[in-house]
PDB file of N, CA and C in Angstrom:
ATOM      1  N   MET A   1     -66.685   2.539  51.276  1.00  0.00           N
ATOM      2  CA  MET A   1     -65.834   2.437  50.122  1.00  0.00           C
ATOM      3  C   MET A   1     -66.337   3.401  49.043  1.00  0.00           C
ATOM      4  N   THR A   2     -65.414   4.120  48.419  1.00  0.00           N
ATOM      5  CA  THR A   2     -65.755   5.060  47.370  1.00  0.00           C
ATOM      6  C   THR A   2     -66.012   4.321  46.066  1.00  0.00           C
ATOM      7  N   LYS A   3     -67.093   4.702  45.401  1.00  0.00           N
ATOM      8  CA  LYS A   3     -67.407   4.103  44.105  1.00  0.00           C
ATOM      9  C   LYS A   3     -66.353   4.509  43.080  1.00  0.00           C
ATOM     10  N   LYS A   4     -65.992   3.586  42.212  1.00  0.00           N
ATOM     11  CA  LYS A   4     -65.086   3.913  41.116  1.00  0.00           C
ATOM     12  C   LYS A   4     -65.870   4.652  40.042  1.00  0.00           C
ATOM     13  N   LYS A   5     -65.183   5.597  39.384  1.00  0.00           N
ATOM     14  CA  LYS A   5     -65.833   6.452  38.390  1.00  0.00           C
ATOM     15  C   LYS A   5     -65.382   6.070  36.986  1.00  0.00           C
ATOM     16  N   ILE A   6     -66.364   5.966  36.104  1.00  0.00           N
ATOM     17  CA  ILE A   6     -66.097   5.645  34.706  1.00  0.00           C
ATOM     18  C   ILE A   6     -66.740   6.708  33.823  1.00  0.00           C
ATOM     19  N   MET A   7     -65.948   7.236  32.885  1.00  0.00           N
ATOM     20  CA  MET A   7     -66.478   8.146  31.879  1.00  0.00           C
ATOM     21  C   MET A   7     -66.683   7.347  30.598  1.00  0.00           C
ATOM     22  N   VAL A   8     -67.878   7.416  30.031  1.00  0.00           N
ATOM     23  CA  VAL A   8     -68.187   6.762  28.764  1.00  0.00           C
ATOM     24  C   VAL A   8     -68.287   7.854  27.704  1.00  0.00           C
ATOM     25  N   VAL A   9     -67.467   7.734  26.659  1.00  0.00           N
ATOM     26  CA  VAL A   9     -67.471   8.704  25.561  1.00  0.00           C
ATOM     27  C   VAL A   9     -67.971   7.971  24.319  1.00  0.00           C
ATOM     28  N   GLU A  10     -69.202   8.255  23.945  1.00  0.00           N
ATOM     29  CA  GLU A  10     -69.876   7.546  22.842  1.00  0.00           C
ATOM     30  C   GLU A  10     -70.833   8.517  22.157  1.00  0.00           C
ATOM     31  N   ASP A  11     -70.714   8.660  20.835  1.00  0.00           N
ATOM     32  CA  ASP A  11     -71.563   9.620  20.128  1.00  0.00           C
ATOM     33  C   ASP A  11     -72.913   9.058  19.723  1.00  0.00           C
ATOM     34  N   GLU A  12     -73.127   7.776  19.893  1.00  0.00           N
ATOM     35  CA  GLU A  12     -74.438   7.193  19.585  1.00  0.00           C
ATOM     36  C   GLU A  12     -75.235   7.082  20.888  1.00  0.00           C
ATOM     37  N   GLN A  13     -76.318   7.822  20.972  1.00  0.00           N
ATOM     38  CA  GLN A  13     -77.088   7.934  22.213  1.00  0.00           C
ATOM     39  C   GLN A  13     -77.534   6.585  22.768  1.00  0.00           C
ATOM     40  N   ALA A  14     -77.997   5.684  21.915  1.00  0.00           N
ATOM     41  CA  ALA A  14     -78.483   4.386  22.400  1.00  0.00           C
ATOM     42  C   ALA A  14     -77.373   3.591  23.075  1.00  0.00           C
ATOM     43  N   LEU A  15     -76.181   3.590  22.488  1.00  0.00           N
ATOM     44  CA  LEU A  15     -75.059   2.866  23.089  1.00  0.00           C
ATOM     45  C   LEU A  15     -74.570   3.555  24.361  1.00  0.00           C
ATOM     46  N   LEU A  16     -74.557   4.869  24.358  1.00  0.00           N
ATOM     47  CA  LEU A  16     -74.163   5.611  25.555  1.00  0.00           C
ATOM     48  C   LEU A  16     -75.095   5.289  26.715  1.00  0.00           C
ATOM     49  N   THR A  17     -76.380   5.295  26.446  1.00  0.00           N
ATOM     50  CA  THR A  17     -77.375   4.986  27.476  1.00  0.00           C
ATOM     51  C   THR A  17     -77.213   3.554  27.972  1.00  0.00           C
ATOM     52  N   LEU A  18     -77.045   2.615  27.050  1.00  0.00           N
ATOM     53  CA  LEU A  18     -76.910   1.210  27.415  1.00  0.00           C
ATOM     54  C   LEU A  18     -75.657   0.969  28.258  1.00  0.00           C
ATOM     55  N   GLN A  19     -74.521   1.475  27.804  1.00  0.00           N
ATOM     56  CA  GLN A  19     -73.284   1.281  28.557  1.00  0.00           C
ATOM     57  C   GLN A  19     -73.367   1.931  29.932  1.00  0.00           C
ATOM     58  N   SER A  20     -73.916   3.129  29.993  1.00  0.00           N
ATOM     59  CA  SER A  20     -74.054   3.819  31.276  1.00  0.00           C
ATOM     60  C   SER A  20     -74.951   3.040  32.227  1.00  0.00           C
ATOM     61  N   MET A  21     -76.044   2.512  31.701  1.00  0.00           N
ATOM     62  CA  MET A  21     -76.971   1.746  32.526  1.00  0.00           C
ATOM     63  C   MET A  21     -76.313   0.470  33.045  1.00  0.00           C
ATOM     64  N   LEU A  22     -75.619  -0.263  32.173  1.00  0.00           N
ATOM     65  CA  LEU A  22     -74.963  -1.500  32.597  1.00  0.00           C
ATOM     66  C   LEU A  22     -73.910  -1.239  33.669  1.00  0.00           C
ATOM     67  N   LEU A  23     -73.141  -0.203  33.503  1.00  0.00           N
ATOM     68  CA  LEU A  23     -72.103   0.108  34.488  1.00  0.00           C
ATOM     69  C   LEU A  23     -72.693   0.617  35.798  1.00  0.00           C
ATOM     70  N   SER A  24     -73.748   1.398  35.718  1.00  0.00           N
ATOM     71  CA  SER A  24     -74.418   1.886  36.931  1.00  0.00           C
ATOM     72  C   SER A  24     -74.997   0.724  37.732  1.00  0.00           C
ATOM     73  N   MET A  25     -75.494  -0.289  37.042  1.00  0.00           N
ATOM     74  CA  MET A  25     -76.046  -1.460  37.718  1.00  0.00           C
ATOM     75  C   MET A  25     -74.958  -2.231  38.475  1.00  0.00           C
ATOM     76  N   GLU A  26     -73.695  -2.050  38.073  1.00  0.00           N
ATOM     77  CA  GLU A  26     -72.569  -2.685  38.756  1.00  0.00           C
ATOM     78  C   GLU A  26     -72.013  -1.784  39.861  1.00  0.00           C
ATOM     79  N   ASP A  27     -72.732  -0.718  40.165  1.00  0.00           N
ATOM     80  CA  ASP A  27     -72.409   0.191  41.261  1.00  0.00           C
ATOM     81  C   ASP A  27     -71.205   1.099  40.995  1.00  0.00           C
ATOM     82  N   TYR A  28     -71.013   1.471  39.718  1.00  0.00           N
ATOM     83  CA  TYR A  28     -70.012   2.469  39.370  1.00  0.00           C
ATOM     84  C   TYR A  28     -70.696   3.818  39.211  1.00  0.00           C
ATOM     85  N   THR A  29     -69.951   4.879  39.465  1.00  0.00           N
ATOM     86  CA  THR A  29     -70.416   6.214  39.134  1.00  0.00           C
ATOM     87  C   THR A  29     -70.064   6.433  37.669  1.00  0.00           C
ATOM     88  N   VAL A  30     -71.065   6.777  36.858  1.00  0.00           N
ATOM     89  CA  VAL A  30     -70.859   6.882  35.415  1.00  0.00           C
ATOM     90  C   VAL A  30     -71.196   8.288  34.939  1.00  0.00           C
ATOM     91  N   GLU A  31     -70.304   8.832  34.135  1.00  0.00           N
ATOM     92  CA  GLU A  31     -70.531  10.111  33.457  1.00  0.00           C
ATOM     93  C   GLU A  31     -70.474   9.815  31.969  1.00  0.00           C
ATOM     94  N   GLY A  32     -71.532  10.108  31.241  1.00  0.00           N
ATOM     95  CA  GLY A  32     -71.566   9.875  29.804  1.00  0.00           C
ATOM     96  C   GLY A  32     -71.473  11.182  29.043  1.00  0.00           C
ATOM     97  N   VAL A  33     -70.614  11.212  28.033  1.00  0.00           N
ATOM     98  CA  VAL A  33     -70.496  12.373  27.156  1.00  0.00           C
ATOM     99  C   VAL A  33     -70.510  11.890  25.716  1.00  0.00           C
ATOM    100  N   MET A  34     -70.922  12.756  24.810  1.00  0.00           N
ATOM    101  CA  MET A  34     -71.141  12.336  23.424  1.00  0.00           C
ATOM    102  C   MET A  34     -70.080  12.812  22.432  1.00  0.00           C
ATOM    103  N   ASP A  35     -69.027  13.473  22.910  1.00  0.00           N
ATOM    104  CA  ASP A  35     -67.971  13.874  21.980  1.00  0.00           C
ATOM    105  C   ASP A  35     -66.642  14.032  22.711  1.00  0.00           C
ATOM    106  N   GLY A  36     -65.577  14.009  21.930  1.00  0.00           N
ATOM    107  CA  GLY A  36     -64.235  14.064  22.496  1.00  0.00           C
ATOM    108  C   GLY A  36     -63.922  15.370  23.209  1.00  0.00           C
ATOM    109  N   GLN A  37     -64.379  16.483  22.667  1.00  0.00           N
ATOM    110  CA  GLN A  37     -64.068  17.772  23.299  1.00  0.00           C
ATOM    111  C   GLN A  37     -64.710  17.874  24.679  1.00  0.00           C
ATOM    112  N   THR A  38     -65.940  17.420  24.802  1.00  0.00           N
ATOM    113  CA  THR A  38     -66.602  17.439  26.105  1.00  0.00           C
ATOM    114  C   THR A  38     -65.854  16.541  27.085  1.00  0.00           C
ATOM    115  N   ALA A  39     -65.394  15.390  26.617  1.00  0.00           N
ATOM    116  CA  ALA A  39     -64.615  14.495  27.478  1.00  0.00           C
ATOM    117  C   ALA A  39     -63.376  15.208  28.002  1.00  0.00           C
ATOM    118  N   LEU A  40     -62.664  15.891  27.122  1.00  0.00           N
ATOM    119  CA  LEU A  40     -61.464  16.628  27.540  1.00  0.00           C
ATOM    120  C   LEU A  40     -61.800  17.764  28.493  1.00  0.00           C
ATOM    121  N   ASP A  41     -62.969  18.387  28.296  1.00  0.00           N
ATOM    122  CA  ASP A  41     -63.380  19.496  29.155  1.00  0.00           C
ATOM    123  C   ASP A  41     -63.705  19.052  30.577  1.00  0.00           C
ATOM    124  N   VAL A  42     -64.248  17.839  30.753  1.00  0.00           N
ATOM    125  CA  VAL A  42     -64.697  17.421  32.089  1.00  0.00           C
ATOM    126  C   VAL A  42     -63.786  16.405  32.774  1.00  0.00           C
ATOM    127  N   VAL A  43     -62.805  15.849  32.070  1.00  0.00           N
ATOM    128  CA  VAL A  43     -61.994  14.775  32.640  1.00  0.00           C
ATOM    129  C   VAL A  43     -61.219  15.212  33.889  1.00  0.00           C
ATOM    130  N   GLU A  44     -60.698  16.427  33.912  1.00  0.00           N
ATOM    131  CA  GLU A  44     -59.918  16.870  35.075  1.00  0.00           C
ATOM    132  C   GLU A  44     -60.783  17.099  36.304  1.00  0.00           C
ATOM    133  N   THR A  45     -62.012  17.551  36.107  1.00  0.00           N
ATOM    134  CA  THR A  45     -62.890  17.759  37.268  1.00  0.00           C
ATOM    135  C   THR A  45     -63.524  16.456  37.733  1.00  0.00           C
ATOM    136  N   MET A  46     -63.836  15.550  36.808  1.00  0.00           N
ATOM    137  CA  MET A  46     -64.439  14.272  37.186  1.00  0.00           C
ATOM    138  C   MET A  46     -63.411  13.327  37.797  1.00  0.00           C
ATOM    139  N   LYS A  47     -62.200  13.335  37.246  1.00  0.00           N
ATOM    140  CA  LYS A  47     -61.140  12.423  37.668  1.00  0.00           C
ATOM    141  C   LYS A  47     -61.594  10.958  37.637  1.00  0.00           C
ATOM    142  N   PRO A  48     -61.970  10.458  36.454  1.00  0.00           N
ATOM    143  CA  PRO A  48     -62.447   9.075  36.371  1.00  0.00           C
ATOM    144  C   PRO A  48     -61.323   8.078  36.602  1.00  0.00           C
ATOM    145  N   ASP A  49     -61.698   6.906  37.080  1.00  0.00           N
ATOM    146  CA  ASP A  49     -60.740   5.815  37.212  1.00  0.00           C
ATOM    147  C   ASP A  49     -60.482   5.166  35.856  1.00  0.00           C
ATOM    148  N   LEU A  50     -61.478   5.255  34.972  1.00  0.00           N
ATOM    149  CA  LEU A  50     -61.381   4.644  33.656  1.00  0.00           C
ATOM    150  C   LEU A  50     -62.226   5.444  32.673  1.00  0.00           C
ATOM    151  N   ILE A  51     -61.746   5.534  31.433  1.00  0.00           N
ATOM    152  CA  ILE A  51     -62.500   6.173  30.358  1.00  0.00           C
ATOM    153  C   ILE A  51     -62.748   5.118  29.281  1.00  0.00           C
ATOM    154  N   LEU A  52     -64.018   4.875  28.975  1.00  0.00           N
ATOM    155  CA  LEU A  52     -64.397   4.038  27.824  1.00  0.00           C
ATOM    156  C   LEU A  52     -64.557   4.989  26.654  1.00  0.00           C
ATOM    157  N   LEU A  53     -63.738   4.852  25.650  1.00  0.00           N
ATOM    158  CA  LEU A  53     -63.625   5.864  24.612  1.00  0.00           C
ATOM    159  C   LEU A  53     -63.858   5.294  23.221  1.00  0.00           C
ATOM    160  N   ASP A  54     -64.907   5.746  22.574  1.00  0.00           N
ATOM    161  CA  ASP A  54     -65.155   5.406  21.177  1.00  0.00           C
ATOM    162  C   ASP A  54     -64.104   6.126  20.332  1.00  0.00           C
ATOM    163  N   ILE A  55     -63.537   5.444  19.361  1.00  0.00           N
ATOM    164  CA  ILE A  55     -62.537   6.048  18.479  1.00  0.00           C
ATOM    165  C   ILE A  55     -63.195   6.926  17.426  1.00  0.00           C
ATOM    166  N   MET A  56     -64.335   6.484  16.907  1.00  0.00           N
ATOM    167  CA  MET A  56     -65.011   7.185  15.817  1.00  0.00           C
ATOM    168  C   MET A  56     -65.957   8.246  16.381  1.00  0.00           C
ATOM    169  N   LEU A  57     -65.404   9.407  16.708  1.00  0.00           N
ATOM    170  CA  LEU A  57     -66.181  10.523  17.247  1.00  0.00           C
ATOM    171  C   LEU A  57     -66.111  11.698  16.282  1.00  0.00           C
ATOM    172  N   PRO A  58     -67.132  12.538  16.263  1.00  0.00           N
ATOM    173  CA  PRO A  58     -67.084  13.722  15.398  1.00  0.00           C
ATOM    174  C   PRO A  58     -66.097  14.761  15.953  1.00  0.00           C
ATOM    175  N   GLU A  59     -65.519  15.529  15.070  1.00  0.00           N
ATOM    176  CA  GLU A  59     -64.598  16.622  15.390  1.00  0.00           C
ATOM    177  C   GLU A  59     -63.345  16.138  16.110  1.00  0.00           C
ATOM    178  N   VAL A  60     -63.339  16.013  17.413  1.00  0.00           N
ATOM    179  CA  VAL A  60     -62.179  15.521  18.153  1.00  0.00           C
ATOM    180  C   VAL A  60     -62.368  14.010  18.323  1.00  0.00           C
ATOM    181  N   ASP A  61     -61.615  13.216  17.532  1.00  0.00           N
ATOM    182  CA  ASP A  61     -61.817  11.765  17.579  1.00  0.00           C
ATOM    183  C   ASP A  61     -61.091  11.133  18.767  1.00  0.00           C
ATOM    184  N   GLY A  62     -61.318   9.848  18.943  1.00  0.00           N
ATOM    185  CA  GLY A  62     -60.749   9.138  20.082  1.00  0.00           C
ATOM    186  C   GLY A  62     -59.234   9.137  20.110  1.00  0.00           C
ATOM    187  N   PHE A  63     -58.580   9.099  18.921  1.00  0.00           N
ATOM    188  CA  PHE A  63     -57.122   9.143  18.877  1.00  0.00           C
ATOM    189  C   PHE A  63     -56.606  10.475  19.411  1.00  0.00           C
ATOM    190  N   GLN A  64     -57.264  11.568  19.025  1.00  0.00           N
ATOM    191  CA  GLN A  64     -56.867  12.887  19.513  1.00  0.00           C
ATOM    192  C   GLN A  64     -57.081  13.003  21.017  1.00  0.00           C
ATOM    193  N   VAL A  65     -58.186  12.456  21.496  1.00  0.00           N
ATOM    194  CA  VAL A  65     -58.455  12.473  22.943  1.00  0.00           C
ATOM    195  C   VAL A  65     -57.347  11.731  23.675  1.00  0.00           C
ATOM    196  N   CYS A  66     -56.977  10.545  23.193  1.00  0.00           N
ATOM    197  CA  CYS A  66     -55.896   9.767  23.827  1.00  0.00           C
ATOM    198  C   CYS A  66     -54.593  10.560  23.867  1.00  0.00           C
ATOM    199  N   ARG A  67     -54.238  11.172  22.745  1.00  0.00           N
ATOM    200  CA  ARG A  67     -52.996  11.961  22.701  1.00  0.00           C
ATOM    201  C   ARG A  67     -53.029  13.096  23.714  1.00  0.00           C
ATOM    202  N   GLN A  68     -54.166  13.792  23.797  1.00  0.00           N
ATOM    203  CA  GLN A  68     -54.253  14.913  24.734  1.00  0.00           C
ATOM    204  C   GLN A  68     -54.247  14.448  26.180  1.00  0.00           C
ATOM    205  N   LEU A  69     -54.902  13.314  26.459  1.00  0.00           N
ATOM    206  CA  LEU A  69     -54.883  12.768  27.822  1.00  0.00           C
ATOM    207  C   LEU A  69     -53.455  12.419  28.235  1.00  0.00           C
ATOM    208  N   LYS A  70     -52.715  11.797  27.328  1.00  0.00           N
ATOM    209  CA  LYS A  70     -51.347  11.371  27.632  1.00  0.00           C
ATOM    210  C   LYS A  70     -50.378  12.545  27.727  1.00  0.00           C
ATOM    211  N   SER A  71     -50.659  13.653  27.066  1.00  0.00           N
ATOM    212  CA  SER A  71     -49.752  14.804  27.107  1.00  0.00           C
ATOM    213  C   SER A  71     -50.026  15.724  28.296  1.00  0.00           C
ATOM    214  N   ASN A  72     -51.114  15.488  29.015  1.00  0.00           N
ATOM    215  CA  ASN A  72     -51.483  16.321  30.163  1.00  0.00           C
ATOM    216  C   ASN A  72     -51.066  15.612  31.449  1.00  0.00           C
ATOM    217  N   GLU A  73     -50.240  16.249  32.240  1.00  0.00           N
ATOM    218  CA  GLU A  73     -49.742  15.655  33.477  1.00  0.00           C
ATOM    219  C   GLU A  73     -50.881  15.216  34.403  1.00  0.00           C
ATOM    220  N   ALA A  74     -51.967  15.975  34.434  1.00  0.00           N
ATOM    221  CA  ALA A  74     -53.086  15.663  35.330  1.00  0.00           C
ATOM    222  C   ALA A  74     -53.882  14.437  34.893  1.00  0.00           C
ATOM    223  N   THR A  75     -53.803  14.062  33.609  1.00  0.00           N
ATOM    224  CA  THR A  75     -54.622  12.955  33.111  1.00  0.00           C
ATOM    225  C   THR A  75     -53.819  11.812  32.505  1.00  0.00           C
ATOM    226  N   ARG A  76     -52.505  11.933  32.447  1.00  0.00           N
ATOM    227  CA  ARG A  76     -51.707  10.924  31.741  1.00  0.00           C
ATOM    228  C   ARG A  76     -51.790   9.523  32.324  1.00  0.00           C
ATOM    229  N   HIS A  77     -52.143   9.405  33.607  1.00  0.00           N
ATOM    230  CA  HIS A  77     -52.230   8.082  34.232  1.00  0.00           C
ATOM    231  C   HIS A  77     -53.668   7.569  34.352  1.00  0.00           C
ATOM    232  N   THR A  78     -54.610   8.300  33.778  1.00  0.00           N
ATOM    233  CA  THR A  78     -56.001   7.838  33.768  1.00  0.00           C
ATOM    234  C   THR A  78     -56.117   6.658  32.814  1.00  0.00           C
ATOM    235  N   GLY A  79     -56.660   5.553  33.302  1.00  0.00           N
ATOM    236  CA  GLY A  79     -56.832   4.389  32.441  1.00  0.00           C
ATOM    237  C   GLY A  79     -57.888   4.654  31.388  1.00  0.00           C
ATOM    238  N   HIS A  80     -57.676   4.121  30.209  1.00  0.00           N
ATOM    239  CA  HIS A  80     -58.694   4.254  29.181  1.00  0.00           C
ATOM    240  C   HIS A  80     -58.707   3.003  28.315  1.00  0.00           C
ATOM    241  N   TYR A  81     -59.880   2.718  27.805  1.00  0.00           N
ATOM    242  CA  TYR A  81     -60.119   1.574  26.929  1.00  0.00           C
ATOM    243  C   TYR A  81     -60.773   2.139  25.680  1.00  0.00           C
ATOM    244  N   ALA A  82     -60.011   2.177  24.599  1.00  0.00           N
ATOM    245  CA  ALA A  82     -60.528   2.714  23.348  1.00  0.00           C
ATOM    246  C   ALA A  82     -61.122   1.581  22.522  1.00  0.00           C
ATOM    247  N   TYR A  83     -62.230   1.845  21.881  1.00  0.00           N
ATOM    248  CA  TYR A  83     -62.896   0.839  21.077  1.00  0.00           C
ATOM    249  C   TYR A  83     -63.495   1.474  19.845  1.00  0.00           C
ATOM    250  N   CYS A  84     -63.814   0.638  18.885  1.00  0.00           N
ATOM    251  CA  CYS A  84     -64.465   1.099  17.668  1.00  0.00           C
ATOM    252  C   CYS A  84     -65.464   0.045  17.246  1.00  0.00           C
ATOM    253  N   GLU A  85     -66.681   0.443  17.082  1.00  0.00           N
ATOM    254  CA  GLU A  85     -67.688  -0.480  16.570  1.00  0.00           C
ATOM    255  C   GLU A  85     -67.567  -0.449  15.054  1.00  0.00           C
ATOM    256  N   LYS A  86     -66.997  -1.492  14.490  1.00  0.00           N
ATOM    257  CA  LYS A  86     -66.690  -1.518  13.053  1.00  0.00           C
ATOM    258  C   LYS A  86     -67.923  -1.583  12.171  1.00  0.00           C
ATOM    259  N   GLU A  87     -68.905  -2.337  12.601  1.00  0.00           N
ATOM    260  CA  GLU A  87     -70.101  -2.509  11.773  1.00  0.00           C
ATOM    261  C   GLU A  87     -71.192  -1.573  12.269  1.00  0.00           C
ATOM    262  N   GLN A  88     -71.269  -0.400  11.693  1.00  0.00           N
ATOM    263  CA  GLN A  88     -72.214   0.613  12.141  1.00  0.00           C
ATOM    264  C   GLN A  88     -73.665   0.215  11.920  1.00  0.00           C
ATOM    265  N   ARG A  89     -73.941  -0.708  10.995  1.00  0.00           N
ATOM    266  CA  ARG A  89     -75.331  -1.046  10.679  1.00  0.00           C
ATOM    267  C   ARG A  89     -75.758  -2.391  11.255  1.00  0.00           C
ATOM    268  N   ARG A  90     -75.119  -2.813  12.305  1.00  0.00           N
ATOM    269  CA  ARG A  90     -75.499  -4.063  12.958  1.00  0.00           C
ATOM    270  C   ARG A  90     -76.916  -3.989  13.485  1.00  0.00           C
ATOM    271  N   PRO A  91     -77.624  -5.119  13.510  1.00  0.00           N
ATOM    272  CA  PRO A  91     -78.936  -5.112  14.165  1.00  0.00           C
ATOM    273  C   PRO A  91     -78.765  -4.744  15.635  1.00  0.00           C
ATOM    274  N   TYR A  92     -79.809  -4.168  16.209  1.00  0.00           N
ATOM    275  CA  TYR A  92     -79.708  -3.669  17.585  1.00  0.00           C
ATOM    276  C   TYR A  92     -79.300  -4.758  18.565  1.00  0.00           C
ATOM    277  N   HIS A  93     -79.819  -6.003  18.414  1.00  0.00           N
ATOM    278  CA  HIS A  93     -79.454  -7.059  19.358  1.00  0.00           C
ATOM    279  C   HIS A  93     -77.953  -7.328  19.319  1.00  0.00           C
ATOM    280  N   GLY A  94     -77.322  -7.141  18.165  1.00  0.00           N
ATOM    281  CA  GLY A  94     -75.870  -7.278  18.062  1.00  0.00           C
ATOM    282  C   GLY A  94     -75.151  -6.193  18.837  1.00  0.00           C
ATOM    283  N   ARG A  95     -75.723  -5.011  18.839  1.00  0.00           N
ATOM    284  CA  ARG A  95     -75.127  -3.906  19.592  1.00  0.00           C
ATOM    285  C   ARG A  95     -75.238  -4.149  21.085  1.00  0.00           C
ATOM    286  N   VAL A  96     -76.340  -4.719  21.521  1.00  0.00           N
ATOM    287  CA  VAL A  96     -76.494  -5.038  22.942  1.00  0.00           C
ATOM    288  C   VAL A  96     -75.439  -6.056  23.340  1.00  0.00           C
ATOM    289  N   SER A  97     -75.256  -7.085  22.528  1.00  0.00           N
ATOM    290  CA  SER A  97     -74.245  -8.104  22.801  1.00  0.00           C
ATOM    291  C   SER A  97     -72.856  -7.478  22.838  1.00  0.00           C
ATOM    292  N   TRP A  98     -72.552  -6.617  21.872  1.00  0.00           N
ATOM    293  CA  TRP A  98     -71.259  -5.946  21.815  1.00  0.00           C
ATOM    294  C   TRP A  98     -71.057  -5.072  23.045  1.00  0.00           C
ATOM    295  N   SER A  99     -72.092  -4.344  23.465  1.00  0.00           N
ATOM    296  CA  SER A  99     -71.988  -3.492  24.647  1.00  0.00           C
ATOM    297  C   SER A  99     -71.741  -4.321  25.896  1.00  0.00           C
ATOM    298  N   ARG A 100     -72.366  -5.477  25.984  1.00  0.00           N
ATOM    299  CA  ARG A 100     -72.111  -6.360  27.138  1.00  0.00           C
ATOM    300  C   ARG A 100     -70.668  -6.846  27.144  1.00  0.00           C
ATOM    301  N   GLN A 101     -70.091  -7.110  25.972  1.00  0.00           N
ATOM    302  CA  GLN A 101     -68.694  -7.525  25.914  1.00  0.00           C
ATOM    303  C   GLN A 101     -67.785  -6.403  26.409  1.00  0.00           C
ATOM    304  N   VAL A 102     -68.025  -5.174  25.964  1.00  0.00           N
ATOM    305  CA  VAL A 102     -67.251  -4.028  26.439  1.00  0.00           C
ATOM    306  C   VAL A 102     -67.445  -3.877  27.944  1.00  0.00           C
ATOM    307  N   HIS A 103     -68.677  -4.008  28.395  1.00  0.00           N
ATOM    308  CA  HIS A 103     -69.002  -3.890  29.814  1.00  0.00           C
ATOM    309  C   HIS A 103     -68.236  -4.932  30.628  1.00  0.00           C
ATOM    310  N   ASN A 104     -68.254  -6.194  30.214  1.00  0.00           N
ATOM    311  CA  ASN A 104     -67.582  -7.249  30.966  1.00  0.00           C
ATOM    312  C   ASN A 104     -66.074  -7.033  31.007  1.00  0.00           C
ATOM    313  N   LYS A 105     -65.472  -6.595  29.902  1.00  0.00           N
ATOM    314  CA  LYS A 105     -64.046  -6.316  29.876  1.00  0.00           C
ATOM    315  C   LYS A 105     -63.719  -5.137  30.788  1.00  0.00           C
ATOM    316  N   THR A 106     -64.583  -4.144  30.813  1.00  0.00           N
ATOM    317  CA  THR A 106     -64.381  -2.983  31.676  1.00  0.00           C
ATOM    318  C   THR A 106     -64.378  -3.398  33.146  1.00  0.00           C
ATOM    319  N   ILE A 107     -65.344  -4.208  33.530  1.00  0.00           N
ATOM    320  CA  ILE A 107     -65.431  -4.659  34.916  1.00  0.00           C
ATOM    321  C   ILE A 107     -64.162  -5.409  35.297  1.00  0.00           C
ATOM    322  N   GLN A 108     -63.671  -6.272  34.407  1.00  0.00           N
ATOM    323  CA  GLN A 108     -62.453  -7.016  34.696  1.00  0.00           C
ATOM    324  C   GLN A 108     -61.256  -6.082  34.834  1.00  0.00           C
ATOM    325  N   ASN A 109     -61.139  -5.091  33.949  1.00  0.00           N
ATOM    326  CA  ASN A 109     -60.000  -4.189  33.986  1.00  0.00           C
ATOM    327  C   ASN A 109     -60.006  -3.272  35.206  1.00  0.00           C
ATOM    328  N   ILE A 110     -61.134  -2.688  35.520  1.00  0.00           N
ATOM    329  CA  ILE A 110     -61.171  -1.714  36.601  1.00  0.00           C
ATOM    330  C   ILE A 110     -61.068  -2.394  37.966  1.00  0.00           C
ATOM    331  N   ASP A 111     -61.565  -3.618  38.067  1.00  0.00           N
ATOM    332  CA  ASP A 111     -61.489  -4.335  39.336  1.00  0.00           C
ATOM    333  C   ASP A 111     -60.203  -5.159  39.453  1.00  0.00           C
ATOM    334  N   GLY A 112     -59.378  -5.151  38.415  1.00  0.00           N
ATOM    335  CA  GLY A 112     -58.094  -5.824  38.469  1.00  0.00           C
ATOM    336  C   GLY A 112     -58.151  -7.334  38.404  1.00  0.00           C
ATOM    337  N   HIS A 113     -59.153  -7.887  37.769  1.00  0.00           N
ATOM    338  CA  HIS A 113     -59.285  -9.356  37.671  1.00  0.00           C
ATOM    339  C   HIS A 113     -58.561  -9.851  36.455  1.00  0.00           C
TER     340      HIS A 113
END
């Protein structure tokens, strides 16, 4: 069986690492990128099954990435889950909890549960 591929787009290194690690432990192939432009540059070659997309990104934000994905015939049907961490100054343990919530929702969505 082919592993499902997930692209994580997150500009905060600690969250990118955490999300990538959690998803890899669930046996997904994970590609992590730290900005919207890089995500757009690699999405067609990676062909992810799902994109976890932070909305608050520098330069090309998550809304722009979504619009470009939907306007491109090659990527318009790629599933994506956009999120925004509203409280940027949360204690780290809160971020771990939040990342686990995103992780659990991702597993449910990609596996169709």
